[in-house]
Amino acid sequence: MNQHHARRVLSLGVLLAVLGACATVPPAQNEDRVEELIDIINELDADRMLAQSGRPFLFDSEIVPMANDVYIMWRNIYDAGFSMPNAQIESLEPVNAATYTDYGDGEEMRAYFQRALPDDAAIARIRAQHGTFELILGDQHNGMPAVYGLRGPL
């Protein structure tokens, strides 16, 4: 095998490895998908966000189990001026066994993080014009991360 052919084979192998790695990153842990989700949040469409929201939903430290209540929450925070203009992802970390303690140290919060969130759940810390927020993300809906929680401004 000549040197030119060997380089082409190596380049193809690296390209396939990179593409394969990208395909295995869950949407909830993929920065590009999270940025697209922020664009959807900034559309200020409560109906669309209800469809993009997992349930039960964690709003700050309150568990919101019913779809109608999640819809009312989105509508009310949008009416109050919530949006994420000029958003930058500060961090995107998978949920682990201790993450729940950042939201509360009670049994209810521990159970929420253990039982209600999908295995690929992640916390996205977003710095935006109006403050810093955290989104709890997991699973997917139409290729985008589903939102299981919102906290902030922090």
Protein backbone atom coordinates (compact mmCIF):
# COMPACT_ATOMS: atom_id res chain seq x y z
CA MET A 1 0.00 0.00 0.00
CA ASN A 2 1.50 3.32 -0.98
CA GLN A 3 1.66 6.29 1.39
CA HIS A 4 -1.06 8.28 -0.46
CA HIS A 5 -3.53 5.38 -0.29
CA ALA A 6 -2.74 4.82 3.39
CA ARG A 7 -3.52 8.49 4.19
CA ARG A 8 -6.85 8.28 2.37
CA VAL A 9 -7.82 5.14 4.28
CA LEU A 10 -6.79 6.76 7.58
CA SER A 11 -8.74 9.95 6.76
CA LEU A 12 -11.83 7.93 5.89
CA GLY A 13 -11.51 6.00 9.14
CA VAL A 14 -11.24 9.19 11.19
CA LEU A 15 -14.26 10.69 9.39
CA LEU A 16 -16.35 7.58 10.06
CA ALA A 17 -15.32 7.58 13.73
CA VAL A 18 -16.30 11.23 14.13
CA LEU A 19 -19.65 10.71 12.41
CA GLY A 20 -20.31 7.62 14.49
CA ALA A 21 -19.54 9.47 17.70
CA CYS A 22 -21.90 12.31 16.77
CA ALA A 23 -24.69 9.90 16.02
CA THR A 24 -24.45 8.36 19.49
CA VAL A 25 -24.71 11.62 21.47
CA PRO A 26 -28.28 11.90 22.77
CA PRO A 27 -30.05 15.15 21.77
CA ALA A 28 -30.21 16.17 25.45
CA GLN A 29 -26.41 16.15 25.57
CA ASN A 30 -25.77 17.65 22.12
CA GLU A 31 -24.95 21.38 22.20
CA ASP A 32 -26.21 22.00 18.65
CA ARG A 33 -29.59 20.45 19.50
CA VAL A 34 -29.79 22.43 22.74
CA GLU A 35 -29.13 25.66 20.83
CA GLU A 36 -31.96 24.74 18.44
CA LEU A 37 -34.20 24.09 21.45
CA ILE A 38 -33.38 27.55 22.82
CA ASP A 39 -34.55 28.98 19.48
CA ILE A 40 -37.84 27.09 19.93
CA ILE A 41 -38.18 28.43 23.50
CA ASN A 42 -37.67 31.94 22.13
CA GLU A 43 -40.61 31.52 19.73
CA LEU A 44 -42.78 32.13 22.83
CA ASP A 45 -45.27 29.44 21.74
CA ALA A 46 -46.79 27.73 24.79
CA ASP A 47 -48.47 25.06 22.63
CA ARG A 48 -45.19 24.10 21.01
CA MET A 49 -43.39 24.07 24.35
CA LEU A 50 -46.07 21.85 25.86
CA ALA A 51 -45.40 19.37 23.04
CA GLN A 52 -41.65 19.67 23.71
CA SER A 53 -42.04 19.19 27.48
CA GLY A 54 -41.69 15.93 29.34
CA ARG A 55 -43.87 15.12 32.30
CA PRO A 56 -43.77 15.34 35.16
CA PHE A 57 -42.11 18.73 34.76
CA LEU A 58 -39.91 20.39 37.39
CA PHE A 59 -40.45 24.15 37.60
CA ASP A 60 -37.84 25.56 39.99
CA SER A 61 -38.49 23.14 42.87
CA GLU A 62 -42.13 22.32 42.14
CA ILE A 63 -43.11 19.11 40.36
CA VAL A 64 -45.87 19.79 37.80
CA PRO A 65 -47.47 16.47 36.82
CA MET A 66 -50.39 17.46 34.60
CA ALA A 67 -50.09 18.52 30.94
CA ASN A 68 -52.63 21.33 31.39
CA ASP A 69 -50.62 22.75 34.27
CA VAL A 70 -47.41 22.60 32.22
CA TYR A 71 -49.18 24.49 29.42
CA ILE A 72 -50.42 27.14 31.87
CA MET A 73 -46.89 27.44 33.28
CA TRP A 74 -45.40 28.10 29.81
CA ARG A 75 -48.16 30.55 28.96
CA ASN A 76 -47.77 32.42 32.24
CA ILE A 77 -43.98 32.71 32.12
CA TYR A 78 -44.16 33.91 28.51
CA ASP A 79 -46.82 36.45 29.49
CA ALA A 80 -44.50 37.60 32.29
CA GLY A 81 -41.73 38.28 29.75
CA PHE A 82 -39.66 35.09 29.90
CA SER A 83 -37.35 34.42 26.99
CA MET A 84 -33.68 33.60 26.48
CA PRO A 85 -32.28 36.25 24.13
CA ASN A 86 -28.54 36.15 23.43
CA ALA A 87 -28.35 32.73 25.09
CA GLN A 88 -25.03 30.98 25.56
CA ILE A 89 -24.64 27.44 26.88
CA GLU A 90 -22.37 27.65 29.92
CA SER A 91 -22.41 23.93 30.64
CA LEU A 92 -24.13 20.73 29.59
CA GLU A 93 -23.72 17.95 32.14
CA PRO A 94 -25.35 14.53 32.39
CA VAL A 95 -27.57 14.02 35.43
CA ASN A 96 -25.92 11.86 38.08
CA ALA A 97 -26.97 10.36 41.40
CA ALA A 98 -26.22 13.59 43.30
CA THR A 99 -27.75 16.13 40.88
CA TYR A 100 -31.06 16.21 42.74
CA THR A 101 -29.39 17.88 45.74
CA ASP A 102 -28.98 21.05 43.67
CA TYR A 103 -32.78 21.24 43.48
CA GLY A 104 -33.70 20.07 46.97
CA ASP A 105 -32.56 17.45 49.42
CA GLY A 106 -35.88 15.77 50.10
CA GLU A 107 -37.10 12.33 49.16
CA GLU A 108 -39.56 13.76 46.63
CA MET A 109 -36.76 15.45 44.65
CA ARG A 110 -34.53 12.37 44.82
CA ALA A 111 -37.40 10.23 43.54
CA TYR A 112 -38.12 12.70 40.73
CA PHE A 113 -34.54 12.58 39.47
CA GLN A 114 -34.34 8.79 39.82
CA ARG A 115 -37.73 7.82 38.40
CA ALA A 116 -39.09 10.61 36.21
CA LEU A 117 -36.05 11.49 34.13
CA PRO A 118 -34.81 9.40 31.21
CA ASP A 119 -31.37 7.77 31.31
CA ASP A 120 -29.90 10.38 28.94
CA ALA A 121 -31.00 13.36 31.07
CA ALA A 122 -28.71 16.37 31.24
CA ILE A 123 -28.66 19.80 32.85
CA ALA A 124 -28.02 22.69 30.47
CA ARG A 125 -26.95 25.89 32.19
CA ILE A 126 -27.86 28.78 29.92
CA ARG A 127 -26.67 32.36 30.34
CA ALA A 128 -29.06 34.76 28.61
CA GLN A 129 -29.80 38.47 28.60
CA HIS A 130 -32.29 38.15 31.47
CA GLY A 131 -30.20 35.87 33.69
CA THR A 132 -28.86 32.36 34.01
CA PHE A 133 -31.26 29.43 33.75
CA GLU A 134 -31.07 25.67 33.90
CA LEU A 135 -32.99 23.34 31.64
CA ILE A 136 -33.41 19.69 32.55
CA LEU A 137 -33.36 17.82 29.26
CA GLY A 138 -33.87 14.22 28.21
CA ASP A 139 -35.26 11.95 25.52
CA GLN A 140 -36.32 13.72 22.35
CA HIS A 141 -39.30 15.02 20.46
CA ASN A 142 -38.89 15.54 16.71
CA GLY A 143 -35.11 15.14 17.08
CA MET A 144 -34.90 17.86 19.73
CA PRO A 145 -34.34 17.40 23.46
CA ALA A 146 -37.47 17.23 25.55
CA VAL A 147 -37.57 19.73 28.43
CA TYR A 148 -38.25 18.12 31.81
CA GLY A 149 -37.51 21.15 33.94
CA LEU A 150 -36.72 24.85 34.13
CA ARG A 151 -35.04 26.74 36.93
CA GLY A 152 -34.00 30.33 37.22
CA PRO A 153 -32.97 32.99 37.05
CA LEU A 154 -30.18 31.75 39.29
